[in-house]
Amino acid sequence: MKFSTVLGTFALSTLEAYRAYASPLNSVSRGQSLDERAIEYCCVQVKYSNKVKNQFVPWFGDTEDVMSIGACMVSVVQGRTRPSQGGCSEWKGTTELCSAELNPQVSIQPANICQ
């Protein structure tokens, strides 16, 4: 058996032993798993003054600002459902201090629109 093979096997065993030692004994709560901590996004489209802006907005289950146009603030009120579970359909667009000329329209679009 080659020395490099023995050394490589030893290194892999050490890593596996460390991984087992470092693993929690209790199951990880749902909010702490890597899948649950991954940030998810929805594609938000804002139409205003003959312009269109598309952007991904992260989901945090709260109200998120999308953009501001002068004093006009465009936001989305997010639902509690994760985007990967169809939660984007729950999002509602809101505007504050926007003039009648701007009249921003907020809509949720498929992800390919924002790419």
PDB file of N, CA and C in Angstrom:
ATOM      1  N   MET A   1       0.852  -1.169   0.000  1.00  0.00           N
ATOM      2  CA  MET A   1       0.000   0.000   0.000  1.00  0.00           C
ATOM      3  C   MET A   1       0.901   1.236   0.000  1.00  0.00           C
ATOM      4  N   LYS A   2       0.583   2.212  -0.814  1.00  0.00           N
ATOM      5  CA  LYS A   2       1.388   3.421  -0.903  1.00  0.00           C
ATOM      6  C   LYS A   2       1.199   4.276   0.341  1.00  0.00           C
ATOM      7  N   PHE A   3       2.260   5.010   0.672  1.00  0.00           N
ATOM      8  CA  PHE A   3       2.214   5.890   1.837  1.00  0.00           C
ATOM      9  C   PHE A   3       1.144   6.972   1.664  1.00  0.00           C
ATOM     10  N   SER A   4       1.000   7.522   0.441  1.00  0.00           N
ATOM     11  CA  SER A   4       0.005   8.573   0.202  1.00  0.00           C
ATOM     12  C   SER A   4      -1.417   8.047   0.403  1.00  0.00           C
ATOM     13  N   THR A   5      -1.647   6.798   0.074  1.00  0.00           N
ATOM     14  CA  THR A   5      -2.967   6.196   0.286  1.00  0.00           C
ATOM     15  C   THR A   5      -3.263   6.066   1.769  1.00  0.00           C
ATOM     16  N   VAL A   6      -2.260   5.619   2.521  1.00  0.00           N
ATOM     17  CA  VAL A   6      -2.426   5.483   3.970  1.00  0.00           C
ATOM     18  C   VAL A   6      -2.667   6.851   4.598  1.00  0.00           C
ATOM     19  N   LEU A   7      -1.865   7.831   4.187  1.00  0.00           N
ATOM     20  CA  LEU A   7      -2.006   9.182   4.730  1.00  0.00           C
ATOM     21  C   LEU A   7      -3.373   9.770   4.377  1.00  0.00           C
ATOM     22  N   GLY A   8      -3.817   9.586   3.143  1.00  0.00           N
ATOM     23  CA  GLY A   8      -5.127  10.092   2.729  1.00  0.00           C
ATOM     24  C   GLY A   8      -6.260   9.445   3.494  1.00  0.00           C
ATOM     25  N   THR A   9      -6.163   8.143   3.707  1.00  0.00           N
ATOM     26  CA  THR A   9      -7.187   7.428   4.472  1.00  0.00           C
ATOM     27  C   THR A   9      -7.232   7.925   5.906  1.00  0.00           C
ATOM     28  N   PHE A  10      -6.056   8.158   6.485  1.00  0.00           N
ATOM     29  CA  PHE A  10      -5.988   8.673   7.851  1.00  0.00           C
ATOM     30  C   PHE A  10      -6.627  10.066   7.934  1.00  0.00           C
ATOM     31  N   ALA A  11      -6.328  10.920   6.948  1.00  0.00           N
ATOM     32  CA  ALA A  11      -6.892  12.274   6.944  1.00  0.00           C
ATOM     33  C   ALA A  11      -8.413  12.228   6.841  1.00  0.00           C
ATOM     34  N   LEU A  12      -8.934  11.388   5.975  1.00  0.00           N
ATOM     35  CA  LEU A  12     -10.388  11.277   5.835  1.00  0.00           C
ATOM     36  C   LEU A  12     -11.030  10.739   7.105  1.00  0.00           C
ATOM     37  N   SER A  13     -10.391   9.755   7.750  1.00  0.00           N
ATOM     38  CA  SER A  13     -10.953   9.219   8.996  1.00  0.00           C
ATOM     39  C   SER A  13     -10.965  10.280  10.080  1.00  0.00           C
ATOM     40  N   THR A  14      -9.908  11.092  10.118  1.00  0.00           N
ATOM     41  CA  THR A  14      -9.840  12.158  11.117  1.00  0.00           C
ATOM     42  C   THR A  14     -10.957  13.161  10.894  1.00  0.00           C
ATOM     43  N   LEU A  15     -11.192  13.534   9.641  1.00  0.00           N
ATOM     44  CA  LEU A  15     -12.266  14.488   9.347  1.00  0.00           C
ATOM     45  C   LEU A  15     -13.626  13.917   9.717  1.00  0.00           C
ATOM     46  N   GLU A  16     -13.853  12.666   9.407  1.00  0.00           N
ATOM     47  CA  GLU A  16     -15.129  12.036   9.756  1.00  0.00           C
ATOM     48  C   GLU A  16     -15.312  11.965  11.265  1.00  0.00           C
ATOM     49  N   ALA A  17     -14.234  11.636  11.983  1.00  0.00           N
ATOM     50  CA  ALA A  17     -14.313  11.572  13.446  1.00  0.00           C
ATOM     51  C   ALA A  17     -14.592  12.953  14.017  1.00  0.00           C
ATOM     52  N   TYR A  18     -13.942  13.991  13.463  1.00  0.00           N
ATOM     53  CA  TYR A  18     -14.174  15.354  13.933  1.00  0.00           C
ATOM     54  C   TYR A  18     -15.613  15.764  13.656  1.00  0.00           C
ATOM     55  N   ARG A  19     -16.105  15.411  12.480  1.00  0.00           N
ATOM     56  CA  ARG A  19     -17.480  15.764  12.117  1.00  0.00           C
ATOM     57  C   ARG A  19     -18.472  15.116  13.085  1.00  0.00           C
ATOM     58  N   ALA A  20     -18.245  13.860  13.422  1.00  0.00           N
ATOM     59  CA  ALA A  20     -19.128  13.173  14.366  1.00  0.00           C
ATOM     60  C   ALA A  20     -19.032  13.808  15.745  1.00  0.00           C
ATOM     61  N   TYR A  21     -17.826  14.200  16.133  1.00  0.00           N
ATOM     62  CA  TYR A  21     -17.625  14.820  17.438  1.00  0.00           C
ATOM     63  C   TYR A  21     -18.280  16.200  17.485  1.00  0.00           C
ATOM     64  N   ALA A  22     -18.197  16.948  16.378  1.00  0.00           N
ATOM     65  CA  ALA A  22     -18.711  18.315  16.342  1.00  0.00           C
ATOM     66  C   ALA A  22     -20.211  18.376  16.095  1.00  0.00           C
ATOM     67  N   SER A  23     -20.824  17.284  15.710  1.00  0.00           N
ATOM     68  CA  SER A  23     -22.259  17.285  15.438  1.00  0.00           C
ATOM     69  C   SER A  23     -23.052  17.402  16.729  1.00  0.00           C
ATOM     70  N   PRO A  24     -24.173  18.112  16.702  1.00  0.00           N
ATOM     71  CA  PRO A  24     -24.991  18.218  17.909  1.00  0.00           C
ATOM     72  C   PRO A  24     -25.636  16.877  18.248  1.00  0.00           C
ATOM     73  N   LEU A  25     -25.791  16.634  19.529  1.00  0.00           N
ATOM     74  CA  LEU A  25     -26.433  15.396  19.961  1.00  0.00           C
ATOM     75  C   LEU A  25     -27.935  15.463  19.760  1.00  0.00           C
ATOM     76  N   ASN A  26     -28.504  16.640  19.980  1.00  0.00           N
ATOM     77  CA  ASN A  26     -29.943  16.823  19.793  1.00  0.00           C
ATOM     78  C   ASN A  26     -30.200  17.246  18.357  1.00  0.00           C
ATOM     79  N   SER A  27     -31.387  16.961  17.888  1.00  0.00           N
ATOM     80  CA  SER A  27     -31.717  17.372  16.528  1.00  0.00           C
ATOM     81  C   SER A  27     -31.749  18.891  16.451  1.00  0.00           C
ATOM     82  N   VAL A  28     -31.363  19.406  15.309  1.00  0.00           N
ATOM     83  CA  VAL A  28     -31.335  20.844  15.097  1.00  0.00           C
ATOM     84  C   VAL A  28     -32.757  21.326  14.900  1.00  0.00           C
ATOM     85  N   SER A  29     -33.103  22.437  15.550  1.00  0.00           N
ATOM     86  CA  SER A  29     -34.456  22.958  15.396  1.00  0.00           C
ATOM     87  C   SER A  29     -34.662  23.416  13.962  1.00  0.00           C
ATOM     88  N   ARG A  30     -35.889  23.455  13.540  1.00  0.00           N
ATOM     89  CA  ARG A  30     -36.208  23.750  12.147  1.00  0.00           C
ATOM     90  C   ARG A  30     -35.656  25.103  11.708  1.00  0.00           C
ATOM     91  N   GLY A  31     -35.700  26.092  12.568  1.00  0.00           N
ATOM     92  CA  GLY A  31     -35.227  27.425  12.205  1.00  0.00           C
ATOM     93  C   GLY A  31     -33.723  27.532  12.114  1.00  0.00           C
ATOM     94  N   GLN A  32     -32.996  26.511  12.548  1.00  0.00           N
ATOM     95  CA  GLN A  32     -31.548  26.583  12.534  1.00  0.00           C
ATOM     96  C   GLN A  32     -30.915  25.751  11.430  1.00  0.00           C
ATOM     97  N   SER A  33     -31.686  24.961  10.722  1.00  0.00           N
ATOM     98  CA  SER A  33     -31.088  24.132   9.682  1.00  0.00           C
ATOM     99  C   SER A  33     -30.615  25.019   8.536  1.00  0.00           C
ATOM    100  N   LEU A  34     -29.654  24.530   7.777  1.00  0.00           N
ATOM    101  CA  LEU A  34     -29.114  25.325   6.680  1.00  0.00           C
ATOM    102  C   LEU A  34     -30.174  25.633   5.640  1.00  0.00           C
ATOM    103  N   ASP A  35     -31.064  24.680   5.363  1.00  0.00           N
ATOM    104  CA  ASP A  35     -32.118  24.924   4.381  1.00  0.00           C
ATOM    105  C   ASP A  35     -33.051  26.030   4.835  1.00  0.00           C
ATOM    106  N   GLU A  36     -33.352  26.063   6.113  1.00  0.00           N
ATOM    107  CA  GLU A  36     -34.282  27.064   6.626  1.00  0.00           C
ATOM    108  C   GLU A  36     -33.637  28.443   6.699  1.00  0.00           C
ATOM    109  N   ARG A  37     -32.313  28.511   6.826  1.00  0.00           N
ATOM    110  CA  ARG A  37     -31.646  29.804   6.929  1.00  0.00           C
ATOM    111  C   ARG A  37     -31.354  30.418   5.573  1.00  0.00           C
ATOM    112  N   ALA A  38     -31.477  29.671   4.501  1.00  0.00           N
ATOM    113  CA  ALA A  38     -31.195  30.195   3.173  1.00  0.00           C
ATOM    114  C   ALA A  38     -32.192  31.302   2.843  1.00  0.00           C
ATOM    115  N   ILE A  39     -31.684  32.406   2.332  1.00  0.00           N
ATOM    116  CA  ILE A  39     -32.550  33.531   1.978  1.00  0.00           C
ATOM    117  C   ILE A  39     -33.245  33.211   0.659  1.00  0.00           C
ATOM    118  N   GLU A  40     -34.540  33.414   0.628  1.00  0.00           N
ATOM    119  CA  GLU A  40     -35.326  33.201  -0.583  1.00  0.00           C
ATOM    120  C   GLU A  40     -35.799  34.555  -1.104  1.00  0.00           C
ATOM    121  N   TYR A  41     -36.102  34.606  -2.388  1.00  0.00           N
ATOM    122  CA  TYR A  41     -36.445  35.861  -3.042  1.00  0.00           C
ATOM    123  C   TYR A  41     -37.711  35.719  -3.875  1.00  0.00           C
ATOM    124  N   CYS A  42     -38.365  36.854  -4.101  1.00  0.00           N
ATOM    125  CA  CYS A  42     -39.453  36.939  -5.068  1.00  0.00           C
ATOM    126  C   CYS A  42     -39.105  38.058  -6.040  1.00  0.00           C
ATOM    127  N   CYS A  43     -39.587  37.944  -7.248  1.00  0.00           N
ATOM    128  CA  CYS A  43     -39.349  38.950  -8.278  1.00  0.00           C
ATOM    129  C   CYS A  43     -40.459  40.003  -8.206  1.00  0.00           C
ATOM    130  N   VAL A  44     -40.062  41.243  -7.978  1.00  0.00           N
ATOM    131  CA  VAL A  44     -41.015  42.346  -7.851  1.00  0.00           C
ATOM    132  C   VAL A  44     -40.814  43.299  -9.027  1.00  0.00           C
ATOM    133  N   GLN A  45     -41.925  43.675  -9.655  1.00  0.00           N
ATOM    134  CA  GLN A  45     -41.892  44.619 -10.769  1.00  0.00           C
ATOM    135  C   GLN A  45     -42.608  45.897 -10.354  1.00  0.00           C
ATOM    136  N   VAL A  46     -41.963  47.035 -10.630  1.00  0.00           N
ATOM    137  CA  VAL A  46     -42.570  48.337 -10.351  1.00  0.00           C
ATOM    138  C   VAL A  46     -42.640  49.105 -11.667  1.00  0.00           C
ATOM    139  N   LYS A  47     -43.864  49.497 -12.053  1.00  0.00           N
ATOM    140  CA  LYS A  47     -44.070  50.321 -13.243  1.00  0.00           C
ATOM    141  C   LYS A  47     -44.434  51.721 -12.780  1.00  0.00           C
ATOM    142  N   TYR A  48     -43.728  52.711 -13.328  1.00  0.00           N
ATOM    143  CA  TYR A  48     -44.007  54.105 -12.970  1.00  0.00           C
ATOM    144  C   TYR A  48     -43.507  55.016 -14.090  1.00  0.00           C
ATOM    145  N   SER A  49     -44.246  56.045 -14.387  1.00  0.00           N
ATOM    146  CA  SER A  49     -43.854  57.054 -15.382  1.00  0.00           C
ATOM    147  C   SER A  49     -43.258  56.447 -16.650  1.00  0.00           C
ATOM    148  N   ASN A  50     -43.923  55.489 -17.248  1.00  0.00           N
ATOM    149  CA  ASN A  50     -43.463  54.816 -18.468  1.00  0.00           C
ATOM    150  C   ASN A  50     -42.127  54.096 -18.299  1.00  0.00           C
ATOM    151  N   LYS A  51     -41.773  53.750 -17.071  1.00  0.00           N
ATOM    152  CA  LYS A  51     -40.553  52.991 -16.792  1.00  0.00           C
ATOM    153  C   LYS A  51     -40.941  51.697 -16.091  1.00  0.00           C
ATOM    154  N   VAL A  52     -40.078  50.704 -16.202  1.00  0.00           N
ATOM    155  CA  VAL A  52     -40.298  49.417 -15.535  1.00  0.00           C
ATOM    156  C   VAL A  52     -39.005  49.019 -14.834  1.00  0.00           C
ATOM    157  N   LYS A  53     -39.134  48.649 -13.564  1.00  0.00           N
ATOM    158  CA  LYS A  53     -37.976  48.168 -12.809  1.00  0.00           C
ATOM    159  C   LYS A  53     -38.319  46.800 -12.231  1.00  0.00           C
ATOM    160  N   ASN A  54     -37.471  45.810 -12.512  1.00  0.00           N
ATOM    161  CA  ASN A  54     -37.633  44.459 -11.980  1.00  0.00           C
ATOM    162  C   ASN A  54     -36.468  44.169 -11.040  1.00  0.00           C
ATOM    163  N   GLN A  55     -36.758  43.588  -9.893  1.00  0.00           N
ATOM    164  CA  GLN A  55     -35.674  43.213  -8.989  1.00  0.00           C
ATOM    165  C   GLN A  55     -36.114  42.115  -8.036  1.00  0.00           C
ATOM    166  N   PHE A  56     -35.128  41.317  -7.619  1.00  0.00           N
ATOM    167  CA  PHE A  56     -35.379  40.305  -6.604  1.00  0.00           C
ATOM    168  C   PHE A  56     -35.382  40.979  -5.245  1.00  0.00           C
ATOM    169  N   VAL A  57     -36.366  40.645  -4.430  1.00  0.00           N
ATOM    170  CA  VAL A  57     -36.480  41.183  -3.072  1.00  0.00           C
ATOM    171  C   VAL A  57     -36.408  40.000  -2.109  1.00  0.00           C
ATOM    172  N   PRO A  58     -35.521  40.079  -1.099  1.00  0.00           N
ATOM    173  CA  PRO A  58     -35.401  38.960  -0.156  1.00  0.00           C
ATOM    174  C   PRO A  58     -36.635  38.826   0.726  1.00  0.00           C
ATOM    175  N   TRP A  59     -36.953  37.596   1.066  1.00  0.00           N
ATOM    176  CA  TRP A  59     -38.091  37.315   1.946  1.00  0.00           C
ATOM    177  C   TRP A  59     -37.618  37.229   3.388  1.00  0.00           C
ATOM    178  N   PHE A  60     -38.206  38.073   4.237  1.00  0.00           N
ATOM    179  CA  PHE A  60     -37.964  38.018   5.671  1.00  0.00           C
ATOM    180  C   PHE A  60     -39.277  37.945   6.438  1.00  0.00           C
ATOM    181  N   GLY A  61     -40.411  37.878   5.716  1.00  0.00           N
ATOM    182  CA  GLY A  61     -41.714  37.780   6.362  1.00  0.00           C
ATOM    183  C   GLY A  61     -42.174  39.083   6.971  1.00  0.00           C
ATOM    184  N   ASP A  62     -41.755  40.200   6.406  1.00  0.00           N
ATOM    185  CA  ASP A  62     -42.051  41.517   6.958  1.00  0.00           C
ATOM    186  C   ASP A  62     -42.335  42.470   5.800  1.00  0.00           C
ATOM    187  N   THR A  63     -42.291  43.752   6.060  1.00  0.00           N
ATOM    188  CA  THR A  63     -42.417  44.752   5.004  1.00  0.00           C
ATOM    189  C   THR A  63     -41.017  45.128   4.538  1.00  0.00           C
ATOM    190  N   GLU A  64     -40.788  45.068   3.239  1.00  0.00           N
ATOM    191  CA  GLU A  64     -39.475  45.380   2.678  1.00  0.00           C
ATOM    192  C   GLU A  64     -39.607  46.517   1.679  1.00  0.00           C
ATOM    193  N   ASP A  65     -38.704  47.493   1.783  1.00  0.00           N
ATOM    194  CA  ASP A  65     -38.659  48.581   0.819  1.00  0.00           C
ATOM    195  C   ASP A  65     -38.081  48.060  -0.489  1.00  0.00           C
ATOM    196  N   VAL A  66     -38.744  48.409  -1.588  1.00  0.00           N
ATOM    197  CA  VAL A  66     -38.291  47.974  -2.903  1.00  0.00           C
ATOM    198  C   VAL A  66     -37.478  49.077  -3.557  1.00  0.00           C
ATOM    199  N   MET A  67     -38.013  50.286  -3.542  1.00  0.00           N
ATOM    200  CA  MET A  67     -37.312  51.416  -4.143  1.00  0.00           C
ATOM    201  C   MET A  67     -37.928  52.722  -3.676  1.00  0.00           C
ATOM    202  N   SER A  68     -37.175  53.802  -3.863  1.00  0.00           N
ATOM    203  CA  SER A  68     -37.722  55.132  -3.596  1.00  0.00           C
ATOM    204  C   SER A  68     -37.476  55.994  -4.826  1.00  0.00           C
ATOM    205  N   ILE A  69     -38.459  56.843  -5.113  1.00  0.00           N
ATOM    206  CA  ILE A  69     -38.378  57.768  -6.234  1.00  0.00           C
ATOM    207  C   ILE A  69     -38.637  59.141  -5.631  1.00  0.00           C
ATOM    208  N   GLY A  70     -37.594  59.854  -5.296  1.00  0.00           N
ATOM    209  CA  GLY A  70     -37.759  61.088  -4.545  1.00  0.00           C
ATOM    210  C   GLY A  70     -38.334  60.760  -3.180  1.00  0.00           C
ATOM    211  N   ALA A  71     -39.457  61.406  -2.837  1.00  0.00           N
ATOM    212  CA  ALA A  71     -40.114  61.130  -1.553  1.00  0.00           C
ATOM    213  C   ALA A  71     -41.021  59.904  -1.616  1.00  0.00           C
ATOM    214  N   CYS A  72     -41.292  59.421  -2.811  1.00  0.00           N
ATOM    215  CA  CYS A  72     -42.178  58.264  -2.998  1.00  0.00           C
ATOM    216  C   CYS A  72     -41.463  56.980  -2.586  1.00  0.00           C
ATOM    217  N   MET A  73     -42.085  56.222  -1.677  1.00  0.00           N
ATOM    218  CA  MET A  73     -41.507  54.962  -1.206  1.00  0.00           C
ATOM    219  C   MET A  73     -42.383  53.803  -1.671  1.00  0.00           C
ATOM    220  N   VAL A  74     -41.769  52.837  -2.340  1.00  0.00           N
ATOM    221  CA  VAL A  74     -42.467  51.643  -2.814  1.00  0.00           C
ATOM    222  C   VAL A  74     -41.984  50.461  -1.974  1.00  0.00           C
ATOM    223  N   SER A  75     -42.929  49.727  -1.389  1.00  0.00           N
ATOM    224  CA  SER A  75     -42.600  48.592  -0.519  1.00  0.00           C
ATOM    225  C   SER A  75     -43.490  47.408  -0.858  1.00  0.00           C
ATOM    226  N   VAL A  76     -43.128  46.254  -0.302  1.00  0.00           N
ATOM    227  CA  VAL A  76     -43.983  45.075  -0.388  1.00  0.00           C
ATOM    228  C   VAL A  76     -44.204  44.541   1.018  1.00  0.00           C
ATOM    229  N   VAL A  77     -45.453  44.170   1.287  1.00  0.00           N
ATOM    230  CA  VAL A  77     -45.793  43.512   2.546  1.00  0.00           C
ATOM    231  C   VAL A  77     -45.760  42.020   2.247  1.00  0.00           C
ATOM    232  N   GLN A  78     -44.834  41.327   2.895  1.00  0.00           N
ATOM    233  CA  GLN A  78     -44.628  39.912   2.621  1.00  0.00           C
ATOM    234  C   GLN A  78     -45.498  39.051   3.520  1.00  0.00           C
ATOM    235  N   GLY A  79     -45.846  37.892   3.027  1.00  0.00           N
ATOM    236  CA  GLY A  79     -46.606  36.941   3.827  1.00  0.00           C
ATOM    237  C   GLY A  79     -45.683  36.078   4.669  1.00  0.00           C
ATOM    238  N   ARG A  80     -46.283  35.166   5.427  1.00  0.00           N
ATOM    239  CA  ARG A  80     -45.503  34.283   6.300  1.00  0.00           C
ATOM    240  C   ARG A  80     -45.006  33.031   5.580  1.00  0.00           C
ATOM    241  N   THR A  81     -45.544  32.756   4.402  1.00  0.00           N
ATOM    242  CA  THR A  81     -45.165  31.550   3.665  1.00  0.00           C
ATOM    243  C   THR A  81     -43.896  31.807   2.865  1.00  0.00           C
ATOM    244  N   ARG A  82     -42.965  30.871   2.921  1.00  0.00           N
ATOM    245  CA  ARG A  82     -41.705  30.991   2.188  1.00  0.00           C
ATOM    246  C   ARG A  82     -41.976  31.021   0.680  1.00  0.00           C
ATOM    247  N   PRO A  83     -41.182  31.784  -0.079  1.00  0.00           N
ATOM    248  CA  PRO A  83     -41.356  31.809  -1.532  1.00  0.00           C
ATOM    249  C   PRO A  83     -41.283  30.427  -2.177  1.00  0.00           C
ATOM    250  N   SER A  84     -40.443  29.542  -1.662  1.00  0.00           N
ATOM    251  CA  SER A  84     -40.327  28.196  -2.237  1.00  0.00           C
ATOM    252  C   SER A  84     -41.587  27.368  -2.027  1.00  0.00           C
ATOM    253  N   GLN A  85     -42.471  27.843  -1.157  1.00  0.00           N
ATOM    254  CA  GLN A  85     -43.731  27.149  -0.900  1.00  0.00           C
ATOM    255  C   GLN A  85     -44.915  27.938  -1.461  1.00  0.00           C
ATOM    256  N   GLY A  86     -44.647  28.818  -2.428  1.00  0.00           N
ATOM    257  CA  GLY A  86     -45.704  29.590  -3.076  1.00  0.00           C
ATOM    258  C   GLY A  86     -46.035  30.898  -2.387  1.00  0.00           C
ATOM    259  N   GLY A  87     -45.188  31.343  -1.477  1.00  0.00           N
ATOM    260  CA  GLY A  87     -45.467  32.537  -0.688  1.00  0.00           C
ATOM    261  C   GLY A  87     -45.445  33.852  -1.450  1.00  0.00           C
ATOM    262  N   CYS A  88     -44.817  33.894  -2.618  1.00  0.00           N
ATOM    263  CA  CYS A  88     -44.768  35.154  -3.374  1.00  0.00           C
ATOM    264  C   CYS A  88     -46.167  35.652  -3.723  1.00  0.00           C
ATOM    265  N   SER A  89     -47.100  34.739  -3.902  1.00  0.00           N
ATOM    266  CA  SER A  89     -48.467  35.131  -4.263  1.00  0.00           C
ATOM    267  C   SER A  89     -49.158  35.895  -3.137  1.00  0.00           C
ATOM    268  N   GLU A  90     -48.624  35.818  -1.914  1.00  0.00           N
ATOM    269  CA  GLU A  90     -49.215  36.528  -0.777  1.00  0.00           C
ATOM    270  C   GLU A  90     -48.730  37.978  -0.673  1.00  0.00           C
ATOM    271  N   TRP A  91     -47.686  38.341  -1.392  1.00  0.00           N
ATOM    272  CA  TRP A  91     -47.096  39.668  -1.264  1.00  0.00           C
ATOM    273  C   TRP A  91     -48.024  40.735  -1.835  1.00  0.00           C
ATOM    274  N   LYS A  92     -48.085  41.879  -1.156  1.00  0.00           N
ATOM    275  CA  LYS A  92     -48.897  43.018  -1.598  1.00  0.00           C
ATOM    276  C   LYS A  92     -48.007  44.257  -1.700  1.00  0.00           C
ATOM    277  N   GLY A  93     -48.147  44.983  -2.796  1.00  0.00           N
ATOM    278  CA  GLY A  93     -47.382  46.210  -2.983  1.00  0.00           C
ATOM    279  C   GLY A  93     -48.033  47.384  -2.280  1.00  0.00           C
ATOM    280  N   THR A  94     -47.206  48.275  -1.716  1.00  0.00           N
ATOM    281  CA  THR A  94     -47.706  49.491  -1.074  1.00  0.00           C
ATOM    282  C   THR A  94     -46.860  50.674  -1.534  1.00  0.00           C
ATOM    283  N   THR A  95     -47.468  51.846  -1.509  1.00  0.00           N
ATOM    284  CA  THR A  95     -46.744  53.073  -1.845  1.00  0.00           C
ATOM    285  C   THR A  95     -47.069  54.138  -0.809  1.00  0.00           C
ATOM    286  N   GLU A  96     -46.107  55.022  -0.593  1.00  0.00           N
ATOM    287  CA  GLU A  96     -46.305  56.146   0.325  1.00  0.00           C
ATOM    288  C   GLU A  96     -45.745  57.408  -0.307  1.00  0.00           C
ATOM    289  N   LEU A  97     -46.453  58.495  -0.139  1.00  0.00           N
ATOM    290  CA  LEU A  97     -46.020  59.817  -0.588  1.00  0.00           C
ATOM    291  C   LEU A  97     -45.716  59.867  -2.086  1.00  0.00           C
ATOM    292  N   CYS A  98     -46.485  59.138  -2.877  1.00  0.00           N
ATOM    293  CA  CYS A  98     -46.265  59.103  -4.321  1.00  0.00           C
ATOM    294  C   CYS A  98     -47.247  60.034  -5.025  1.00  0.00           C
ATOM    295  N   SER A  99     -46.742  60.786  -5.973  1.00  0.00           N
ATOM    296  CA  SER A  99     -47.586  61.724  -6.712  1.00  0.00           C
ATOM    297  C   SER A  99     -48.440  60.974  -7.734  1.00  0.00           C
ATOM    298  N   ALA A 100     -49.457  61.659  -8.221  1.00  0.00           N
ATOM    299  CA  ALA A 100     -50.349  61.067  -9.221  1.00  0.00           C
ATOM    300  C   ALA A 100     -49.606  60.829 -10.538  1.00  0.00           C
ATOM    301  N   GLU A 101     -48.577  61.644 -10.823  1.00  0.00           N
ATOM    302  CA  GLU A 101     -47.806  61.458 -12.058  1.00  0.00           C
ATOM    303  C   GLU A 101     -47.000  60.155 -12.028  1.00  0.00           C
ATOM    304  N   LEU A 102     -46.436  59.841 -10.870  1.00  0.00           N
ATOM    305  CA  LEU A 102     -45.662  58.595 -10.752  1.00  0.00           C
ATOM    306  C   LEU A 102     -46.577  57.383 -10.777  1.00  0.00           C
ATOM    307  N   ASN A 103     -47.587  57.397  -9.921  1.00  0.00           N
ATOM    308  CA  ASN A 103     -48.567  56.315  -9.820  1.00  0.00           C
ATOM    309  C   ASN A 103     -47.925  54.926  -9.969  1.00  0.00           C
ATOM    310  N   PRO A 104     -46.982  54.562  -9.082  1.00  0.00           N
ATOM    311  CA  PRO A 104     -46.307  53.268  -9.228  1.00  0.00           C
ATOM    312  C   PRO A 104     -47.250  52.085  -9.045  1.00  0.00           C
ATOM    313  N   GLN A 105     -47.099  51.105  -9.908  1.00  0.00           N
ATOM    314  CA  GLN A 105     -47.872  49.866  -9.845  1.00  0.00           C
ATOM    315  C   GLN A 105     -46.908  48.734  -9.493  1.00  0.00           C
ATOM    316  N   VAL A 106     -47.198  48.022  -8.410  1.00  0.00           N
ATOM    317  CA  VAL A 106     -46.323  46.954  -7.929  1.00  0.00           C
ATOM    318  C   VAL A 106     -46.974  45.610  -8.233  1.00  0.00           C
ATOM    319  N   SER A 107     -46.190  44.694  -8.809  1.00  0.00           N
ATOM    320  CA  SER A 107     -46.704  43.344  -9.070  1.00  0.00           C
ATOM    321  C   SER A 107     -45.592  42.319  -8.840  1.00  0.00           C
ATOM    322  N   ILE A 108     -45.997  41.105  -8.540  1.00  0.00           N
ATOM    323  CA  ILE A 108     -45.066  40.001  -8.356  1.00  0.00           C
ATOM    324  C   ILE A 108     -44.999  39.237  -9.674  1.00  0.00           C
ATOM    325  N   GLN A 109     -43.786  38.961 -10.128  1.00  0.00           N
ATOM    326  CA  GLN A 109     -43.566  38.329 -11.427  1.00  0.00           C
ATOM    327  C   GLN A 109     -42.822  37.003 -11.267  1.00  0.00           C
ATOM    328  N   PRO A 110     -42.838  36.167 -12.301  1.00  0.00           N
ATOM    329  CA  PRO A 110     -42.023  34.945 -12.271  1.00  0.00           C
ATOM    330  C   PRO A 110     -40.534  35.309 -12.203  1.00  0.00           C
ATOM    331  N   ALA A 111     -39.732  34.435 -11.643  1.00  0.00           N
ATOM    332  CA  ALA A 111     -38.308  34.709 -11.427  1.00  0.00           C
ATOM    333  C   ALA A 111     -37.565  35.052 -12.716  1.00  0.00           C
ATOM    334  N   ASN A 112     -37.955  34.472 -13.850  1.00  0.00           N
ATOM    335  CA  ASN A 112     -37.222  34.733 -15.096  1.00  0.00           C
ATOM    336  C   ASN A 112     -37.325  36.190 -15.540  1.00  0.00           C
ATOM    337  N   ILE A 113     -38.312  36.928 -15.074  1.00  0.00           N
ATOM    338  CA  ILE A 113     -38.448  38.348 -15.420  1.00  0.00           C
ATOM    339  C   ILE A 113     -37.326  39.159 -14.772  1.00  0.00           C
ATOM    340  N   CYS A 114     -36.897  38.779 -13.592  1.00  0.00           N
ATOM    341  CA  CYS A 114     -35.859  39.520 -12.868  1.00  0.00           C
ATOM    342  C   CYS A 114     -34.442  39.072 -13.230  1.00  0.00           C
ATOM    343  N   GLN A 115     -34.303  38.011 -13.990  1.00  0.00           N
ATOM    344  CA  GLN A 115     -32.956  37.514 -14.306  1.00  0.00           C
ATOM    345  C   GLN A 115     -32.356  38.248 -15.472  1.00  0.00           C
TER     346      GLN A 115
END
